């Protein structure tokens, strides 16, 4: 199973060091550093803009501590943005993240499965089409087990703050 070393929401502003409290607006950025995905949180008033080479960035509001667990709200556009920015990544974590993002987008009916093929390196590739824009994407299948897919999906949700 792949281990990810990505922290979830820090609830502390990376610029000011101030704790982000329930109800506070924030920005978060996901970057790749030495083959690892790194999430950084910012208070809305200290947001310097997206860092160079960000895989994704988004705005949110810190939930109240007494909120009951609920089904995560998936932002298809944010997920698609992460998927697009990881195109061409050779890093195993990036490949896994992109593959699981494609599966989630298929589940959400944003992507439609078109075909499966092998690339010139002998790897299995899933071919999907964006239901909205029609763009065709080739996604390398990292041959994850069901348990690994579930672990990566949990990590995707945690990193993007959807848990």
N, C-alpha and C. Protein backbone atom coordinates (compact mmCIF):
# COMPACT_ATOMS: atom_id res chain seq x y z
N UNK A 1 0.84 -1.17 0.00
CA UNK A 1 0.00 0.00 0.00
C UNK A 1 0.89 1.23 0.00
N UNK A 2 0.47 2.24 -0.72
CA UNK A 2 1.23 3.48 -0.80
C UNK A 2 0.98 4.31 0.44
N UNK A 3 2.04 4.83 1.03
CA UNK A 3 1.91 5.73 2.17
C UNK A 3 2.07 7.15 1.67
N UNK A 4 1.18 8.02 2.11
CA UNK A 4 1.26 9.42 1.76
C UNK A 4 1.67 10.19 2.99
N UNK A 5 2.46 11.20 2.77
CA UNK A 5 2.95 12.01 3.87
C UNK A 5 2.37 13.41 3.73
N UNK A 6 1.06 13.50 3.55
CA UNK A 6 0.40 14.79 3.34
C UNK A 6 -0.42 15.11 4.58
N UNK A 7 -0.20 16.29 5.10
CA UNK A 7 -1.00 16.70 6.25
C UNK A 7 -2.37 17.14 5.77
N UNK A 8 -3.36 17.00 6.61
CA UNK A 8 -4.70 17.48 6.29
C UNK A 8 -4.76 18.97 6.58
N UNK A 9 -5.95 19.52 6.71
CA UNK A 9 -6.08 20.95 7.00
C UNK A 9 -5.31 21.32 8.27
N UNK A 10 -4.44 22.32 8.16
CA UNK A 10 -3.59 22.71 9.29
C UNK A 10 -4.36 23.56 10.29
N UNK A 11 -5.35 24.32 9.80
CA UNK A 11 -6.12 25.24 10.65
C UNK A 11 -5.23 26.31 11.27
N UNK A 12 -4.03 26.52 10.65
CA UNK A 12 -3.12 27.58 11.08
C UNK A 12 -2.62 28.27 9.81
N UNK A 13 -2.66 29.59 9.80
CA UNK A 13 -2.21 30.36 8.64
C UNK A 13 -0.70 30.23 8.48
N UNK A 14 -0.27 29.88 7.27
CA UNK A 14 1.16 29.71 7.00
C UNK A 14 1.91 31.05 7.02
N UNK A 15 1.21 32.16 6.81
CA UNK A 15 1.87 33.47 6.78
C UNK A 15 1.91 34.10 8.17
N UNK A 16 0.77 34.12 8.86
CA UNK A 16 0.69 34.84 10.14
C UNK A 16 0.89 33.94 11.35
N UNK A 17 0.70 32.62 11.19
CA UNK A 17 0.77 31.72 12.33
C UNK A 17 -0.49 31.72 13.17
N UNK A 18 -1.49 32.51 12.75
CA UNK A 18 -2.75 32.64 13.48
C UNK A 18 -3.60 31.38 13.28
N UNK A 19 -4.24 30.93 14.36
CA UNK A 19 -5.14 29.79 14.29
C UNK A 19 -6.38 30.17 13.49
N UNK A 20 -6.79 29.27 12.60
CA UNK A 20 -8.02 29.48 11.83
C UNK A 20 -9.16 28.85 12.63
N UNK A 21 -10.12 29.66 13.01
CA UNK A 21 -11.21 29.21 13.88
C UNK A 21 -12.48 28.94 13.07
N UNK A 22 -13.42 28.17 13.66
CA UNK A 22 -14.67 27.91 12.96
C UNK A 22 -15.32 29.20 12.45
N UNK A 23 -15.72 29.17 11.18
CA UNK A 23 -16.34 30.32 10.55
C UNK A 23 -15.36 31.19 9.78
N UNK A 24 -14.04 31.04 10.04
CA UNK A 24 -13.03 31.83 9.32
C UNK A 24 -12.95 31.37 7.87
N UNK A 25 -12.79 32.31 6.97
CA UNK A 25 -12.54 32.01 5.56
C UNK A 25 -11.04 31.74 5.41
N UNK A 26 -10.68 30.83 4.51
CA UNK A 26 -9.28 30.50 4.29
C UNK A 26 -9.04 30.15 2.83
N UNK A 27 -7.79 30.10 2.46
CA UNK A 27 -7.35 29.57 1.18
C UNK A 27 -6.41 28.43 1.48
N UNK A 28 -6.37 27.45 0.59
CA UNK A 28 -5.44 26.33 0.72
C UNK A 28 -4.79 26.09 -0.63
N UNK A 29 -3.56 25.65 -0.61
CA UNK A 29 -2.83 25.34 -1.84
C UNK A 29 -2.20 23.96 -1.71
N UNK A 30 -2.21 23.23 -2.80
CA UNK A 30 -1.59 21.91 -2.86
C UNK A 30 -0.42 22.01 -3.83
N UNK A 31 0.77 21.70 -3.35
CA UNK A 31 1.97 21.76 -4.18
C UNK A 31 2.70 20.43 -4.11
N UNK A 32 3.58 20.22 -5.07
CA UNK A 32 4.39 19.01 -5.09
C UNK A 32 5.81 19.44 -4.74
N UNK A 33 6.40 18.78 -3.75
CA UNK A 33 7.74 19.13 -3.31
C UNK A 33 8.54 17.84 -3.13
N UNK A 34 9.54 17.65 -3.94
CA UNK A 34 10.40 16.45 -3.87
C UNK A 34 9.57 15.17 -3.92
N UNK A 35 8.58 15.15 -4.82
CA UNK A 35 7.75 13.96 -4.99
C UNK A 35 6.67 13.78 -3.96
N UNK A 36 6.47 14.77 -3.08
CA UNK A 36 5.43 14.68 -2.05
C UNK A 36 4.41 15.78 -2.27
N UNK A 37 3.15 15.50 -1.96
CA UNK A 37 2.09 16.50 -2.03
C UNK A 37 2.06 17.22 -0.69
N UNK A 38 2.05 18.55 -0.73
CA UNK A 38 2.07 19.36 0.48
C UNK A 38 0.90 20.34 0.43
N UNK A 39 0.11 20.35 1.50
CA UNK A 39 -1.00 21.28 1.63
C UNK A 39 -0.58 22.43 2.55
N UNK A 40 -0.90 23.66 2.14
CA UNK A 40 -0.60 24.83 2.95
C UNK A 40 -1.87 25.66 3.07
N UNK A 41 -2.23 26.05 4.30
CA UNK A 41 -3.43 26.85 4.56
C UNK A 41 -3.06 28.29 4.86
N UNK A 42 -3.95 29.21 4.45
CA UNK A 42 -3.74 30.65 4.65
C UNK A 42 -5.03 31.29 5.13
N UNK A 43 -4.93 32.24 6.04
CA UNK A 43 -6.09 33.07 6.38
C UNK A 43 -6.43 33.88 5.13
N UNK A 44 -7.72 34.15 4.91
CA UNK A 44 -8.16 34.86 3.71
C UNK A 44 -7.45 36.21 3.57
N UNK A 45 -7.25 36.91 4.69
CA UNK A 45 -6.63 38.24 4.61
C UNK A 45 -5.11 38.18 4.45
N UNK A 46 -4.52 37.00 4.50
CA UNK A 46 -3.08 36.86 4.34
C UNK A 46 -2.71 36.07 3.08
N UNK A 47 -3.70 35.76 2.27
CA UNK A 47 -3.48 34.95 1.06
C UNK A 47 -2.61 35.72 0.07
N UNK A 48 -1.41 35.19 -0.26
CA UNK A 48 -0.54 35.89 -1.20
C UNK A 48 -0.82 35.53 -2.66
N UNK A 49 -1.79 34.67 -2.89
CA UNK A 49 -2.06 34.15 -4.23
C UNK A 49 -1.46 32.77 -4.35
N UNK A 50 -1.80 32.05 -5.40
CA UNK A 50 -1.31 30.67 -5.52
C UNK A 50 0.20 30.62 -5.68
N UNK A 51 0.84 29.67 -5.01
CA UNK A 51 2.29 29.52 -5.14
C UNK A 51 2.66 29.05 -6.55
N UNK A 52 3.86 29.36 -6.94
CA UNK A 52 4.38 28.90 -8.23
C UNK A 52 4.28 27.37 -8.30
N UNK A 53 3.75 26.84 -9.38
CA UNK A 53 3.67 25.40 -9.58
C UNK A 53 2.61 24.69 -8.75
N UNK A 54 1.63 25.42 -8.23
CA UNK A 54 0.57 24.80 -7.42
C UNK A 54 -0.18 23.76 -8.24
N UNK A 55 -0.43 22.61 -7.64
CA UNK A 55 -1.25 21.58 -8.27
C UNK A 55 -2.71 22.02 -8.23
N UNK A 56 -3.09 22.65 -7.12
CA UNK A 56 -4.46 23.16 -6.96
C UNK A 56 -4.47 24.19 -5.84
N UNK A 57 -5.49 25.04 -5.86
CA UNK A 57 -5.74 25.94 -4.75
C UNK A 57 -7.23 26.23 -4.71
N UNK A 58 -7.74 26.54 -3.51
CA UNK A 58 -9.17 26.74 -3.34
C UNK A 58 -9.43 27.57 -2.09
N UNK A 59 -10.65 28.05 -2.00
CA UNK A 59 -11.09 28.82 -0.84
C UNK A 59 -12.09 27.97 -0.06
N UNK A 60 -12.20 28.24 1.22
CA UNK A 60 -13.16 27.52 2.04
C UNK A 60 -13.45 28.28 3.32
N UNK A 61 -14.22 27.64 4.15
CA UNK A 61 -14.60 28.20 5.44
C UNK A 61 -14.40 27.10 6.47
N UNK A 62 -13.73 27.41 7.57
CA UNK A 62 -13.49 26.41 8.60
C UNK A 62 -14.84 26.01 9.21
N UNK A 63 -15.16 24.71 9.19
CA UNK A 63 -16.45 24.28 9.72
C UNK A 63 -16.51 24.40 11.25
N UNK A 64 -17.72 24.50 11.75
CA UNK A 64 -17.92 24.53 13.20
C UNK A 64 -17.50 23.19 13.78
N UNK A 65 -16.92 23.22 14.95
CA UNK A 65 -16.40 22.01 15.59
C UNK A 65 -17.50 21.01 15.91
N UNK A 66 -18.72 21.47 16.10
CA UNK A 66 -19.80 20.57 16.47
C UNK A 66 -20.55 20.02 15.26
N UNK A 67 -20.06 20.30 14.04
CA UNK A 67 -20.71 19.75 12.85
C UNK A 67 -20.64 18.23 12.88
N UNK A 68 -21.75 17.59 12.56
CA UNK A 68 -21.78 16.14 12.49
C UNK A 68 -21.08 15.70 11.21
N UNK A 69 -20.45 14.52 11.23
CA UNK A 69 -19.85 14.02 9.99
C UNK A 69 -20.93 13.88 8.93
N UNK A 70 -20.59 14.27 7.74
CA UNK A 70 -21.54 14.17 6.64
C UNK A 70 -20.80 13.71 5.40
N UNK A 71 -21.57 13.34 4.40
CA UNK A 71 -20.98 12.91 3.15
C UNK A 71 -20.18 14.08 2.58
N UNK A 72 -18.95 13.84 2.14
CA UNK A 72 -18.14 14.95 1.63
C UNK A 72 -18.76 15.59 0.40
N UNK A 73 -18.61 16.90 0.30
CA UNK A 73 -19.06 17.63 -0.87
C UNK A 73 -17.88 17.66 -1.82
N UNK A 74 -18.04 17.07 -3.00
CA UNK A 74 -16.97 16.99 -3.96
C UNK A 74 -17.10 18.12 -4.96
N UNK A 75 -16.05 18.88 -5.11
CA UNK A 75 -16.00 19.97 -6.07
C UNK A 75 -15.37 19.42 -7.35
N UNK A 76 -16.20 19.14 -8.36
CA UNK A 76 -15.71 18.53 -9.60
C UNK A 76 -14.65 19.39 -10.28
N UNK A 77 -14.83 20.71 -10.27
CA UNK A 77 -13.87 21.58 -10.94
C UNK A 77 -12.51 21.56 -10.27
N UNK A 78 -12.49 21.54 -8.94
CA UNK A 78 -11.23 21.45 -8.21
C UNK A 78 -10.55 20.11 -8.47
N UNK A 79 -11.33 19.04 -8.46
CA UNK A 79 -10.79 17.72 -8.72
C UNK A 79 -10.23 17.65 -10.14
N UNK A 80 -10.94 18.22 -11.12
CA UNK A 80 -10.48 18.25 -12.50
C UNK A 80 -9.20 19.08 -12.63
N UNK A 81 -9.13 20.18 -11.90
CA UNK A 81 -7.93 21.01 -11.92
C UNK A 81 -6.72 20.23 -11.39
N UNK A 82 -6.89 19.52 -10.29
CA UNK A 82 -5.81 18.68 -9.75
C UNK A 82 -5.41 17.62 -10.78
N UNK A 83 -6.40 16.98 -11.38
CA UNK A 83 -6.17 15.95 -12.39
C UNK A 83 -5.34 16.52 -13.54
N UNK A 84 -5.74 17.68 -14.05
CA UNK A 84 -5.03 18.30 -15.18
C UNK A 84 -3.60 18.68 -14.83
N UNK A 85 -3.40 19.23 -13.64
CA UNK A 85 -2.07 19.68 -13.25
C UNK A 85 -1.09 18.53 -13.03
N UNK A 86 -1.61 17.33 -12.80
CA UNK A 86 -0.74 16.17 -12.60
C UNK A 86 -0.44 15.44 -13.90
N UNK A 87 -0.93 15.96 -15.03
CA UNK A 87 -0.66 15.34 -16.33
C UNK A 87 0.85 15.33 -16.54
N UNK A 88 1.36 14.20 -16.92
CA UNK A 88 2.79 14.08 -17.18
C UNK A 88 3.62 13.78 -15.95
N UNK A 89 3.01 13.71 -14.77
CA UNK A 89 3.76 13.39 -13.56
C UNK A 89 4.25 11.95 -13.63
N UNK A 90 5.52 11.75 -13.31
CA UNK A 90 6.09 10.41 -13.28
C UNK A 90 6.19 9.90 -11.85
N UNK A 91 5.92 10.77 -10.90
CA UNK A 91 5.98 10.42 -9.48
C UNK A 91 4.88 9.42 -9.15
N UNK A 92 5.18 8.32 -8.45
CA UNK A 92 4.14 7.32 -8.12
C UNK A 92 2.94 7.92 -7.38
N UNK A 93 3.17 8.82 -6.42
CA UNK A 93 2.04 9.43 -5.71
C UNK A 93 1.20 10.27 -6.66
N UNK A 94 1.84 11.00 -7.56
CA UNK A 94 1.11 11.80 -8.55
C UNK A 94 0.30 10.93 -9.49
N UNK A 95 0.88 9.81 -9.93
CA UNK A 95 0.16 8.88 -10.80
C UNK A 95 -1.06 8.30 -10.08
N UNK A 96 -0.87 7.90 -8.83
CA UNK A 96 -1.97 7.33 -8.05
C UNK A 96 -3.08 8.36 -7.84
N UNK A 97 -2.69 9.59 -7.46
CA UNK A 97 -3.64 10.67 -7.22
C UNK A 97 -4.44 10.94 -8.49
N UNK A 98 -3.75 11.04 -9.64
CA UNK A 98 -4.41 11.34 -10.91
C UNK A 98 -5.37 10.21 -11.32
N UNK A 99 -4.95 8.97 -11.13
CA UNK A 99 -5.79 7.83 -11.48
C UNK A 99 -7.07 7.81 -10.64
N UNK A 100 -6.92 8.00 -9.33
CA UNK A 100 -8.09 8.00 -8.45
C UNK A 100 -8.97 9.21 -8.73
N UNK A 101 -8.38 10.36 -9.05
CA UNK A 101 -9.18 11.53 -9.43
C UNK A 101 -10.01 11.21 -10.68
N UNK A 102 -9.41 10.50 -11.65
CA UNK A 102 -10.15 10.11 -12.86
C UNK A 102 -11.32 9.18 -12.50
N UNK A 103 -11.07 8.22 -11.60
CA UNK A 103 -12.15 7.32 -11.17
C UNK A 103 -13.28 8.09 -10.49
N UNK A 104 -12.91 9.05 -9.63
CA UNK A 104 -13.93 9.86 -8.95
C UNK A 104 -14.72 10.69 -9.96
N UNK A 105 -14.02 11.24 -10.95
CA UNK A 105 -14.71 12.04 -11.97
C UNK A 105 -15.61 11.15 -12.83
N UNK A 106 -15.24 9.90 -13.05
CA UNK A 106 -16.12 8.97 -13.76
C UNK A 106 -17.35 8.66 -12.91
N UNK A 107 -17.14 8.44 -11.63
CA UNK A 107 -18.25 8.15 -10.72
C UNK A 107 -19.24 9.32 -10.69
N UNK A 108 -18.71 10.53 -10.82
CA UNK A 108 -19.55 11.73 -10.77
C UNK A 108 -20.11 12.08 -12.15
N UNK A 109 -19.85 11.23 -13.14
CA UNK A 109 -20.37 11.38 -14.52
C UNK A 109 -19.74 12.55 -15.26
N UNK A 110 -18.62 13.07 -14.75
CA UNK A 110 -17.90 14.14 -15.45
C UNK A 110 -17.04 13.54 -16.55
N UNK A 111 -16.46 12.35 -16.29
CA UNK A 111 -15.69 11.63 -17.30
C UNK A 111 -16.47 10.40 -17.74
N UNK A 112 -16.32 10.06 -19.01
CA UNK A 112 -16.90 8.84 -19.54
C UNK A 112 -15.76 7.95 -20.03
N UNK A 113 -15.83 6.68 -19.65
CA UNK A 113 -14.82 5.72 -20.09
C UNK A 113 -14.96 5.52 -21.60
N UNK A 114 -13.83 5.61 -22.31
CA UNK A 114 -13.83 5.43 -23.77
C UNK A 114 -13.20 4.11 -24.16
N UNK A 115 -12.00 3.83 -23.61
CA UNK A 115 -11.26 2.66 -24.05
C UNK A 115 -10.10 2.40 -23.09
N UNK A 116 -9.45 1.28 -23.29
CA UNK A 116 -8.23 0.94 -22.56
C UNK A 116 -7.19 0.56 -23.59
N UNK A 117 -5.95 0.91 -23.33
CA UNK A 117 -4.88 0.63 -24.28
C UNK A 117 -3.58 0.44 -23.51
N UNK A 118 -2.50 0.22 -24.26
CA UNK A 118 -1.15 0.17 -23.68
C UNK A 118 -0.35 1.28 -24.33
N UNK A 119 0.48 1.94 -23.52
CA UNK A 119 1.32 2.99 -24.09
C UNK A 119 2.62 2.37 -24.62
N UNK A 120 3.50 3.20 -25.15
CA UNK A 120 4.74 2.71 -25.76
C UNK A 120 5.72 2.12 -24.74
N UNK A 121 5.42 2.30 -23.45
CA UNK A 121 6.24 1.70 -22.39
C UNK A 121 5.61 0.43 -21.83
N UNK A 122 4.51 -0.02 -22.43
CA UNK A 122 3.84 -1.24 -22.00
C UNK A 122 2.92 -1.09 -20.81
N UNK A 123 2.63 0.16 -20.40
CA UNK A 123 1.75 0.39 -19.26
C UNK A 123 0.29 0.44 -19.73
N UNK A 124 -0.60 -0.05 -18.87
CA UNK A 124 -2.03 0.06 -19.16
C UNK A 124 -2.46 1.50 -19.03
N UNK A 125 -3.29 1.96 -19.97
CA UNK A 125 -3.77 3.34 -19.98
C UNK A 125 -5.29 3.32 -20.15
N UNK A 126 -5.96 4.08 -19.30
CA UNK A 126 -7.41 4.25 -19.39
C UNK A 126 -7.66 5.53 -20.19
N UNK A 127 -8.54 5.44 -21.17
CA UNK A 127 -8.86 6.61 -21.99
C UNK A 127 -10.27 7.07 -21.60
N UNK A 128 -10.36 8.33 -21.16
CA UNK A 128 -11.64 8.89 -20.73
C UNK A 128 -11.91 10.19 -21.49
N UNK A 129 -13.18 10.53 -21.59
CA UNK A 129 -13.59 11.76 -22.26
C UNK A 129 -14.35 12.64 -21.28
N UNK A 130 -14.01 13.93 -21.25
CA UNK A 130 -14.71 14.90 -20.41
C UNK A 130 -16.12 15.09 -20.99
N UNK A 131 -17.13 14.81 -20.19
CA UNK A 131 -18.52 14.91 -20.66
C UNK A 131 -18.92 16.34 -21.01
N UNK A 132 -18.27 17.33 -20.42
CA UNK A 132 -18.61 18.72 -20.69
C UNK A 132 -17.85 19.28 -21.89
N UNK A 133 -16.54 19.18 -21.85
CA UNK A 133 -15.73 19.81 -22.90
C UNK A 133 -15.35 18.89 -24.03
N UNK A 134 -15.48 17.58 -23.82
CA UNK A 134 -15.13 16.63 -24.86
C UNK A 134 -13.65 16.28 -24.94
N UNK A 135 -12.84 16.86 -24.07
CA UNK A 135 -11.40 16.56 -24.10
C UNK A 135 -11.16 15.09 -23.76
N UNK A 136 -10.21 14.49 -24.45
CA UNK A 136 -9.85 13.10 -24.22
C UNK A 136 -8.58 13.08 -23.37
N UNK A 137 -8.59 12.24 -22.34
CA UNK A 137 -7.45 12.13 -21.42
C UNK A 137 -6.97 10.69 -21.38
N UNK A 138 -5.65 10.52 -21.37
CA UNK A 138 -5.03 9.22 -21.21
C UNK A 138 -4.48 9.16 -19.79
N UNK A 139 -4.94 8.16 -19.03
CA UNK A 139 -4.59 8.05 -17.61
C UNK A 139 -3.87 6.73 -17.38
N UNK A 140 -2.64 6.82 -16.91
CA UNK A 140 -1.86 5.61 -16.64
C UNK A 140 -2.49 4.87 -15.46
N UNK A 141 -2.69 3.57 -15.64
CA UNK A 141 -3.23 2.72 -14.57
C UNK A 141 -2.06 2.24 -13.72
N UNK A 142 -1.96 2.71 -12.47
CA UNK A 142 -0.84 2.29 -11.62
C UNK A 142 -1.03 0.90 -11.01
N UNK A 143 -2.08 0.21 -11.42
CA UNK A 143 -2.36 -1.16 -10.95
C UNK A 143 -2.50 -1.23 -9.44
N UNK A 144 -3.36 -0.38 -8.90
CA UNK A 144 -3.63 -0.36 -7.47
C UNK A 144 -4.65 -1.44 -7.13
N UNK A 145 -4.53 -2.01 -5.94
CA UNK A 145 -5.54 -2.92 -5.45
C UNK A 145 -6.75 -2.10 -4.99
N UNK A 146 -7.85 -2.76 -4.72
CA UNK A 146 -9.04 -2.05 -4.23
C UNK A 146 -8.74 -1.32 -2.92
N UNK A 147 -7.98 -1.95 -2.04
CA UNK A 147 -7.61 -1.31 -0.78
C UNK A 147 -6.75 -0.07 -1.01
N UNK A 148 -5.82 -0.16 -1.95
CA UNK A 148 -4.97 0.98 -2.26
C UNK A 148 -5.79 2.13 -2.86
N UNK A 149 -6.73 1.79 -3.74
CA UNK A 149 -7.60 2.82 -4.33
C UNK A 149 -8.39 3.53 -3.22
N UNK A 150 -8.93 2.75 -2.29
CA UNK A 150 -9.68 3.33 -1.18
C UNK A 150 -8.78 4.24 -0.33
N UNK A 151 -7.55 3.81 -0.10
CA UNK A 151 -6.61 4.62 0.70
C UNK A 151 -6.27 5.92 -0.02
N UNK A 152 -6.03 5.85 -1.33
CA UNK A 152 -5.71 7.05 -2.09
C UNK A 152 -6.93 7.99 -2.11
N UNK A 153 -8.12 7.43 -2.29
CA UNK A 153 -9.34 8.25 -2.29
C UNK A 153 -9.51 8.97 -0.95
N UNK A 154 -9.30 8.25 0.13
CA UNK A 154 -9.38 8.86 1.46
C UNK A 154 -8.36 9.99 1.58
N UNK A 155 -7.15 9.76 1.06
CA UNK A 155 -6.12 10.79 1.11
C UNK A 155 -6.48 11.99 0.24
N UNK A 156 -7.03 11.76 -0.94
CA UNK A 156 -7.48 12.86 -1.81
C UNK A 156 -8.51 13.70 -1.07
N UNK A 157 -9.50 13.05 -0.46
CA UNK A 157 -10.54 13.77 0.27
C UNK A 157 -9.95 14.54 1.45
N UNK A 158 -9.00 13.93 2.16
CA UNK A 158 -8.39 14.56 3.32
C UNK A 158 -7.58 15.78 2.89
N UNK A 159 -6.75 15.62 1.87
CA UNK A 159 -5.89 16.70 1.39
C UNK A 159 -6.72 17.89 0.91
N UNK A 160 -7.81 17.61 0.22
CA UNK A 160 -8.64 18.68 -0.31
C UNK A 160 -9.64 19.20 0.71
N UNK A 161 -9.63 18.62 1.92
CA UNK A 161 -10.49 19.11 3.00
C UNK A 161 -11.94 18.68 2.88
N UNK A 162 -12.18 17.57 2.19
CA UNK A 162 -13.55 17.11 1.95
C UNK A 162 -13.98 16.01 2.92
N UNK A 163 -13.17 15.72 3.89
CA UNK A 163 -13.55 14.63 4.82
C UNK A 163 -14.46 15.13 5.90
